[in-house]
Protein backbone atom coordinates (compact mmCIF):
# COMPACT_ATOMS: atom_id res chain seq x y z
CA MET A 1 179.44 49.35 181.64
CA ALA A 2 178.48 52.34 184.39
CA THR A 3 176.01 54.59 183.84
CA THR A 4 175.92 58.15 183.90
CA PRO A 5 173.75 59.45 187.03
CA PRO A 6 170.64 61.47 186.35
CA ALA A 7 172.00 64.89 185.73
CA PRO A 8 169.72 66.29 188.98
CA LEU A 9 172.19 64.00 191.13
CA TRP A 10 175.24 66.01 189.79
CA TRP A 11 173.68 69.32 191.17
CA LEU A 12 173.17 67.60 194.36
CA SER A 13 176.93 66.73 194.45
CA TYR A 14 177.39 70.23 195.02
CA ALA A 15 174.57 70.85 197.55
CA ASP A 16 175.34 67.77 199.76
CA ALA A 17 178.68 66.11 198.87
CA ASN A 18 178.13 63.22 201.12
CA ALA A 19 174.77 61.98 200.27
CA SER A 20 174.30 62.59 196.29
CA ARG A 21 178.15 61.16 196.01
CA GLY A 22 176.80 58.28 198.43
CA ILE A 23 174.38 57.45 195.72
CA VAL A 24 176.56 57.81 192.69
CA ILE A 25 178.93 55.21 194.39
CA ALA A 26 176.61 53.03 195.14
CA LEU A 27 174.98 53.41 191.29
CA VAL A 28 178.26 52.93 189.64
CA PHE A 29 179.36 49.85 192.35
CA LEU A 30 175.91 48.09 191.64
CA ASP A 31 176.50 48.66 187.77
CA LEU A 32 179.83 47.28 187.99
CA ASN A 33 178.73 44.13 189.96
CA GLY A 34 176.10 43.29 187.31
CA PHE A 35 173.21 45.04 189.08
CA THR A 36 170.53 47.74 187.79
CA VAL A 37 168.85 50.58 189.97
CA GLU A 38 165.11 50.82 188.54
CA ALA A 39 164.28 54.27 190.38
CA THR A 40 163.28 57.63 188.69
CA GLU A 41 165.11 60.54 188.80
CA ASP A 42 162.62 61.99 191.70
CA GLU A 43 163.13 58.71 193.69
CA LEU A 44 166.89 59.33 193.31
CA VAL A 45 166.91 62.69 194.40
CA ASN A 46 164.48 62.42 197.44
CA LEU A 47 166.72 59.84 198.45
CA GLY A 48 169.79 62.17 198.26
CA LEU A 49 167.68 65.08 199.87
CA GLY A 50 166.26 62.94 202.56
CA LEU A 51 169.58 61.49 203.72
CA ALA A 52 170.94 64.90 203.56
CA ASP A 53 168.61 66.72 206.00
CA GLY A 54 168.21 63.66 208.30
CA ARG A 55 164.66 61.92 207.11
CA VAL A 56 166.62 59.13 205.64
CA ARG A 57 168.58 56.57 207.89
CA LYS A 58 170.40 53.50 207.24
CA ALA A 59 167.01 51.31 207.42
CA GLY A 60 165.82 53.41 204.52
CA VAL A 61 168.46 53.36 202.26
CA THR A 62 168.34 49.31 202.94
CA VAL A 63 164.57 49.38 202.22
CA PHE A 64 164.77 51.77 198.71
CA PHE A 65 168.05 49.27 197.44
CA ASP A 66 165.57 46.06 198.17
CA GLU A 67 162.55 47.41 196.27
CA HIS A 68 164.66 48.71 193.29
CA VAL A 69 167.93 46.90 192.38
CA GLU A 70 167.84 43.80 190.27
CA ARG A 71 170.29 41.46 189.30
CA LEU A 72 171.04 41.62 185.47
CA VAL A 73 171.73 38.24 183.86
């Protein structure tokens, strides 16, 4: 069952389409494949903004998901 991303991420999709849509797509992909993301709205928004302004790179995204993703049983 796909979940709706937090409201701030929908706003980000207009502010920076690539970063926020990438996060939304990742959340849906993980959900469809039996994973859950345990992150607050603020953490997800900070990830999106960090991607948008270049503070977060590929390695940072990998670390974020390593720390926040759990497999559902």
